[in-house]
Amino acid sequence: MESVLMLVSSAPSSVNAQRAWQLARTLHEQGQAVSLFLLQDGVLAALQSETALRDMPRKIACYALGEDLTLRGFTPLKLREPVKVADYARLVGLFDEHTRVIGAL
């Protein structure tokens, strides 16, 4: 089965991020395994107060880079379920686990 890792570094309301959310849903509906990795301003999408990931299918794995959360003053307690905090080592592991990587900068 195809699996796709999507890297999202844009703010949740940006055009690039909106396209990434839609593409993730479309790929998931087509039966592909999809993971989202949020970094830089993309981590803002993981916050409980943000609506960007609210309707994302729960089978789409979602990770937020812990360093970028910390730099922006957020703790894991502020994250929406089921977003997981990850580090660079986990990101490297995800590269190995997926057949394709898409950067939605």
N, C-alpha and C. Protein backbone atom coordinates (compact mmCIF):
# COMPACT_ATOMS: atom_id res chain seq x y z
N MET A 1 0.84 -1.18 0.00
CA MET A 1 0.00 0.00 0.00
C MET A 1 0.89 1.24 0.00
N GLU A 2 0.48 2.23 -0.76
CA GLU A 2 1.19 3.51 -0.79
C GLU A 2 1.00 4.22 0.56
N SER A 3 2.03 4.92 0.97
CA SER A 3 1.91 5.74 2.17
C SER A 3 2.60 7.07 1.89
N VAL A 4 1.98 8.12 2.39
CA VAL A 4 2.45 9.48 2.09
C VAL A 4 2.70 10.24 3.39
N LEU A 5 3.86 10.85 3.49
CA LEU A 5 4.18 11.75 4.58
C LEU A 5 4.11 13.16 4.02
N MET A 6 3.31 14.00 4.65
CA MET A 6 3.19 15.40 4.21
C MET A 6 3.81 16.30 5.27
N LEU A 7 4.74 17.14 4.84
CA LEU A 7 5.37 18.11 5.72
C LEU A 7 4.68 19.45 5.52
N VAL A 8 4.17 20.02 6.60
CA VAL A 8 3.45 21.29 6.50
C VAL A 8 4.12 22.30 7.42
N SER A 9 4.65 23.37 6.82
CA SER A 9 5.32 24.39 7.61
C SER A 9 4.60 25.73 7.59
N SER A 10 3.54 25.84 6.82
CA SER A 10 2.80 27.10 6.70
C SER A 10 1.76 27.23 7.81
N ALA A 11 1.40 28.46 8.09
CA ALA A 11 0.34 28.73 9.07
C ALA A 11 -0.95 28.04 8.61
N PRO A 12 -1.77 27.57 9.54
CA PRO A 12 -2.97 26.79 9.20
C PRO A 12 -3.92 27.44 8.21
N SER A 13 -4.02 28.74 8.21
CA SER A 13 -4.97 29.41 7.32
C SER A 13 -4.37 29.79 5.97
N SER A 14 -3.09 29.49 5.76
CA SER A 14 -2.45 29.83 4.49
C SER A 14 -2.99 28.97 3.36
N VAL A 15 -2.82 29.44 2.14
CA VAL A 15 -3.26 28.69 0.96
C VAL A 15 -2.55 27.34 0.89
N ASN A 16 -1.23 27.32 1.15
CA ASN A 16 -0.49 26.06 1.08
C ASN A 16 -1.00 25.06 2.11
N ALA A 17 -1.26 25.50 3.32
CA ALA A 17 -1.77 24.59 4.34
C ALA A 17 -3.17 24.09 3.98
N GLN A 18 -4.02 24.98 3.48
CA GLN A 18 -5.37 24.57 3.08
C GLN A 18 -5.31 23.49 2.00
N ARG A 19 -4.40 23.66 1.06
CA ARG A 19 -4.23 22.64 0.01
C ARG A 19 -3.72 21.33 0.60
N ALA A 20 -2.84 21.42 1.57
CA ALA A 20 -2.30 20.22 2.22
C ALA A 20 -3.40 19.46 2.94
N TRP A 21 -4.29 20.18 3.65
CA TRP A 21 -5.39 19.50 4.37
C TRP A 21 -6.28 18.77 3.37
N GLN A 22 -6.60 19.45 2.27
CA GLN A 22 -7.47 18.83 1.27
C GLN A 22 -6.80 17.63 0.61
N LEU A 23 -5.53 17.76 0.28
CA LEU A 23 -4.81 16.65 -0.33
C LEU A 23 -4.73 15.46 0.63
N ALA A 24 -4.49 15.72 1.89
CA ALA A 24 -4.43 14.63 2.88
C ALA A 24 -5.76 13.88 2.92
N ARG A 25 -6.86 14.61 2.94
CA ARG A 25 -8.19 13.96 2.94
C ARG A 25 -8.41 13.16 1.67
N THR A 26 -8.06 13.73 0.52
CA THR A 26 -8.26 13.05 -0.76
C THR A 26 -7.44 11.76 -0.83
N LEU A 27 -6.17 11.82 -0.45
CA LEU A 27 -5.33 10.63 -0.47
C LEU A 27 -5.87 9.56 0.47
N HIS A 28 -6.32 9.99 1.63
CA HIS A 28 -6.91 9.06 2.60
C HIS A 28 -8.16 8.38 2.01
N GLU A 29 -9.01 9.16 1.37
CA GLU A 29 -10.22 8.61 0.75
C GLU A 29 -9.89 7.63 -0.36
N GLN A 30 -8.73 7.80 -0.99
CA GLN A 30 -8.29 6.90 -2.05
C GLN A 30 -7.63 5.63 -1.49
N GLY A 31 -7.57 5.53 -0.17
CA GLY A 31 -7.04 4.33 0.46
C GLY A 31 -5.56 4.37 0.79
N GLN A 32 -4.94 5.52 0.68
CA GLN A 32 -3.53 5.62 1.02
C GLN A 32 -3.36 5.98 2.49
N ALA A 33 -2.32 5.45 3.09
CA ALA A 33 -1.98 5.82 4.46
C ALA A 33 -1.32 7.19 4.41
N VAL A 34 -1.79 8.09 5.25
CA VAL A 34 -1.29 9.48 5.23
C VAL A 34 -0.86 9.88 6.63
N SER A 35 0.29 10.54 6.70
CA SER A 35 0.76 11.14 7.95
C SER A 35 1.07 12.60 7.68
N LEU A 36 0.73 13.44 8.63
CA LEU A 36 1.05 14.86 8.56
C LEU A 36 2.13 15.16 9.60
N PHE A 37 3.16 15.89 9.19
CA PHE A 37 4.18 16.33 10.13
C PHE A 37 4.20 17.85 10.08
N LEU A 38 3.84 18.46 11.19
CA LEU A 38 3.73 19.92 11.29
C LEU A 38 5.01 20.49 11.88
N LEU A 39 5.56 21.48 11.20
CA LEU A 39 6.75 22.14 11.70
C LEU A 39 6.65 23.64 11.42
N GLN A 40 7.56 24.38 12.00
CA GLN A 40 7.54 25.84 11.90
C GLN A 40 6.13 26.35 12.26
N ASP A 41 5.55 27.26 11.45
CA ASP A 41 4.22 27.77 11.78
C ASP A 41 3.12 26.73 11.59
N GLY A 42 3.43 25.63 10.93
CA GLY A 42 2.45 24.56 10.77
C GLY A 42 2.01 23.95 12.09
N VAL A 43 2.86 24.03 13.13
CA VAL A 43 2.49 23.46 14.43
C VAL A 43 1.27 24.15 15.02
N LEU A 44 0.97 25.36 14.58
CA LEU A 44 -0.20 26.08 15.10
C LEU A 44 -1.49 25.34 14.78
N ALA A 45 -1.50 24.54 13.72
CA ALA A 45 -2.69 23.77 13.36
C ALA A 45 -3.01 22.70 14.40
N ALA A 46 -2.03 22.32 15.20
CA ALA A 46 -2.22 21.27 16.20
C ALA A 46 -2.86 21.77 17.49
N LEU A 47 -3.00 23.07 17.63
CA LEU A 47 -3.54 23.62 18.88
C LEU A 47 -5.04 23.36 19.00
N GLN A 48 -5.49 23.15 20.22
CA GLN A 48 -6.91 22.90 20.48
C GLN A 48 -7.80 24.02 19.97
N SER A 49 -7.31 25.23 20.02
CA SER A 49 -8.12 26.38 19.62
C SER A 49 -8.20 26.56 18.11
N GLU A 50 -7.40 25.82 17.36
CA GLU A 50 -7.36 25.94 15.90
C GLU A 50 -8.33 24.94 15.27
N THR A 51 -9.00 25.36 14.21
CA THR A 51 -10.00 24.49 13.58
C THR A 51 -9.48 23.71 12.38
N ALA A 52 -8.25 23.96 11.94
CA ALA A 52 -7.73 23.37 10.70
C ALA A 52 -7.80 21.85 10.67
N LEU A 53 -7.51 21.19 11.77
CA LEU A 53 -7.48 19.73 11.80
C LEU A 53 -8.73 19.12 12.43
N ARG A 54 -9.68 19.94 12.76
CA ARG A 54 -10.88 19.46 13.45
C ARG A 54 -11.58 18.34 12.70
N ASP A 55 -11.72 18.45 11.40
CA ASP A 55 -12.44 17.46 10.61
C ASP A 55 -11.52 16.46 9.91
N MET A 56 -10.25 16.44 10.29
CA MET A 56 -9.31 15.51 9.67
C MET A 56 -9.64 14.09 10.14
N PRO A 57 -9.72 13.13 9.22
CA PRO A 57 -9.99 11.75 9.64
C PRO A 57 -8.97 11.28 10.68
N ARG A 58 -9.43 10.57 11.68
CA ARG A 58 -8.56 10.15 12.77
C ARG A 58 -7.51 9.13 12.33
N LYS A 59 -7.72 8.49 11.19
CA LYS A 59 -6.72 7.53 10.70
C LYS A 59 -5.51 8.23 10.09
N ILE A 60 -5.59 9.53 9.88
CA ILE A 60 -4.44 10.29 9.40
C ILE A 60 -3.59 10.65 10.62
N ALA A 61 -2.40 10.06 10.67
CA ALA A 61 -1.50 10.33 11.80
C ALA A 61 -1.00 11.76 11.70
N CYS A 62 -0.91 12.42 12.85
CA CYS A 62 -0.48 13.82 12.85
C CYS A 62 0.56 14.03 13.94
N TYR A 63 1.66 14.63 13.54
CA TYR A 63 2.77 14.91 14.45
C TYR A 63 3.09 16.40 14.41
N ALA A 64 3.51 16.93 15.56
CA ALA A 64 3.95 18.33 15.65
C ALA A 64 5.36 18.34 16.22
N LEU A 65 6.23 19.10 15.60
CA LEU A 65 7.61 19.17 16.06
C LEU A 65 7.67 19.89 17.40
N GLY A 66 8.14 19.18 18.42
CA GLY A 66 8.18 19.72 19.78
C GLY A 66 8.99 20.98 19.91
N GLU A 67 10.12 21.07 19.21
CA GLU A 67 10.96 22.27 19.29
C GLU A 67 10.22 23.50 18.79
N ASP A 68 9.46 23.33 17.71
CA ASP A 68 8.73 24.48 17.17
C ASP A 68 7.57 24.88 18.07
N LEU A 69 6.96 23.91 18.72
CA LEU A 69 5.91 24.24 19.71
C LEU A 69 6.51 25.06 20.85
N THR A 70 7.64 24.60 21.37
CA THR A 70 8.30 25.28 22.48
C THR A 70 8.72 26.70 22.09
N LEU A 71 9.28 26.85 20.89
CA LEU A 71 9.70 28.17 20.43
C LEU A 71 8.54 29.15 20.35
N ARG A 72 7.34 28.62 20.14
CA ARG A 72 6.15 29.48 20.04
C ARG A 72 5.39 29.59 21.37
N GLY A 73 5.96 29.00 22.43
CA GLY A 73 5.40 29.14 23.77
C GLY A 73 4.27 28.18 24.09
N PHE A 74 4.16 27.07 23.37
CA PHE A 74 3.07 26.12 23.62
C PHE A 74 3.59 24.83 24.23
N THR A 75 2.74 24.18 25.00
CA THR A 75 3.08 22.89 25.60
C THR A 75 2.19 21.81 24.98
N PRO A 76 2.58 20.56 25.14
CA PRO A 76 1.74 19.47 24.60
C PRO A 76 0.31 19.47 25.16
N LEU A 77 0.10 20.08 26.30
CA LEU A 77 -1.25 20.14 26.89
C LEU A 77 -2.20 20.98 26.05
N LYS A 78 -1.67 21.84 25.20
CA LYS A 78 -2.50 22.70 24.35
C LYS A 78 -2.87 22.05 23.02
N LEU A 79 -2.39 20.81 22.79
CA LEU A 79 -2.60 20.17 21.49
C LEU A 79 -3.94 19.46 21.41
N ARG A 80 -4.46 19.44 20.22
CA ARG A 80 -5.69 18.73 19.90
C ARG A 80 -5.38 17.24 19.83
N GLU A 81 -6.33 16.42 20.24
CA GLU A 81 -6.20 14.96 20.08
C GLU A 81 -6.36 14.63 18.62
N PRO A 82 -5.72 13.75 18.04
CA PRO A 82 -4.67 12.84 18.50
C PRO A 82 -3.27 13.25 18.03
N VAL A 83 -2.97 14.54 17.98
CA VAL A 83 -1.64 15.00 17.54
C VAL A 83 -0.59 14.55 18.55
N LYS A 84 0.50 14.04 18.02
CA LYS A 84 1.61 13.57 18.85
C LYS A 84 2.78 14.54 18.70
N VAL A 85 3.45 14.82 19.81
CA VAL A 85 4.66 15.63 19.76
C VAL A 85 5.80 14.73 19.30
N ALA A 86 6.60 15.23 18.37
CA ALA A 86 7.70 14.45 17.82
C ALA A 86 8.97 15.29 17.76
N ASP A 87 10.08 14.60 17.60
CA ASP A 87 11.36 15.29 17.45
C ASP A 87 11.93 14.97 16.06
N TYR A 88 13.14 15.47 15.80
CA TYR A 88 13.74 15.26 14.49
C TYR A 88 14.04 13.78 14.23
N ALA A 89 14.36 13.04 15.27
CA ALA A 89 14.63 11.60 15.10
C ALA A 89 13.36 10.89 14.61
N ARG A 90 12.22 11.27 15.14
CA ARG A 90 10.96 10.67 14.69
C ARG A 90 10.67 11.06 13.24
N LEU A 91 10.98 12.30 12.87
CA LEU A 91 10.79 12.73 11.49
C LEU A 91 11.62 11.88 10.54
N VAL A 92 12.86 11.61 10.89
CA VAL A 92 13.72 10.77 10.06
C VAL A 92 13.12 9.37 9.94
N GLY A 93 12.60 8.84 11.04
CA GLY A 93 11.94 7.54 11.01
C GLY A 93 10.74 7.53 10.10
N LEU A 94 9.97 8.61 10.10
CA LEU A 94 8.80 8.71 9.23
C LEU A 94 9.19 8.74 7.75
N PHE A 95 10.31 9.38 7.45
CA PHE A 95 10.80 9.36 6.07
C PHE A 95 11.02 7.92 5.61
N ASP A 96 11.55 7.11 6.49
CA ASP A 96 11.85 5.72 6.16
C ASP A 96 10.58 4.87 6.07
N GLU A 97 9.55 5.22 6.84
CA GLU A 97 8.32 4.43 6.90
C GLU A 97 7.35 4.70 5.75
N HIS A 98 7.53 5.78 5.04
CA HIS A 98 6.59 6.17 3.98
C HIS A 98 7.22 6.00 2.60
N THR A 99 6.37 5.70 1.62
CA THR A 99 6.87 5.52 0.26
C THR A 99 7.04 6.83 -0.49
N ARG A 100 6.29 7.86 -0.07
CA ARG A 100 6.39 9.19 -0.70
C ARG A 100 6.39 10.27 0.36
N VAL A 101 7.07 11.37 0.04
CA VAL A 101 7.09 12.55 0.93
C VAL A 101 6.69 13.75 0.10
N ILE A 102 5.76 14.54 0.64
CA ILE A 102 5.30 15.76 -0.03
C ILE A 102 5.53 16.92 0.93
N GLY A 103 6.18 17.95 0.44
CA GLY A 103 6.38 19.15 1.25
C GLY A 103 5.37 20.22 0.86
N ALA A 104 4.54 20.61 1.79
CA ALA A 104 3.56 21.67 1.54
C ALA A 104 4.04 22.89 2.32
N LEU A 105 4.97 23.58 1.75
CA LEU A 105 5.61 24.69 2.46
C LEU A 105 4.71 25.88 2.43
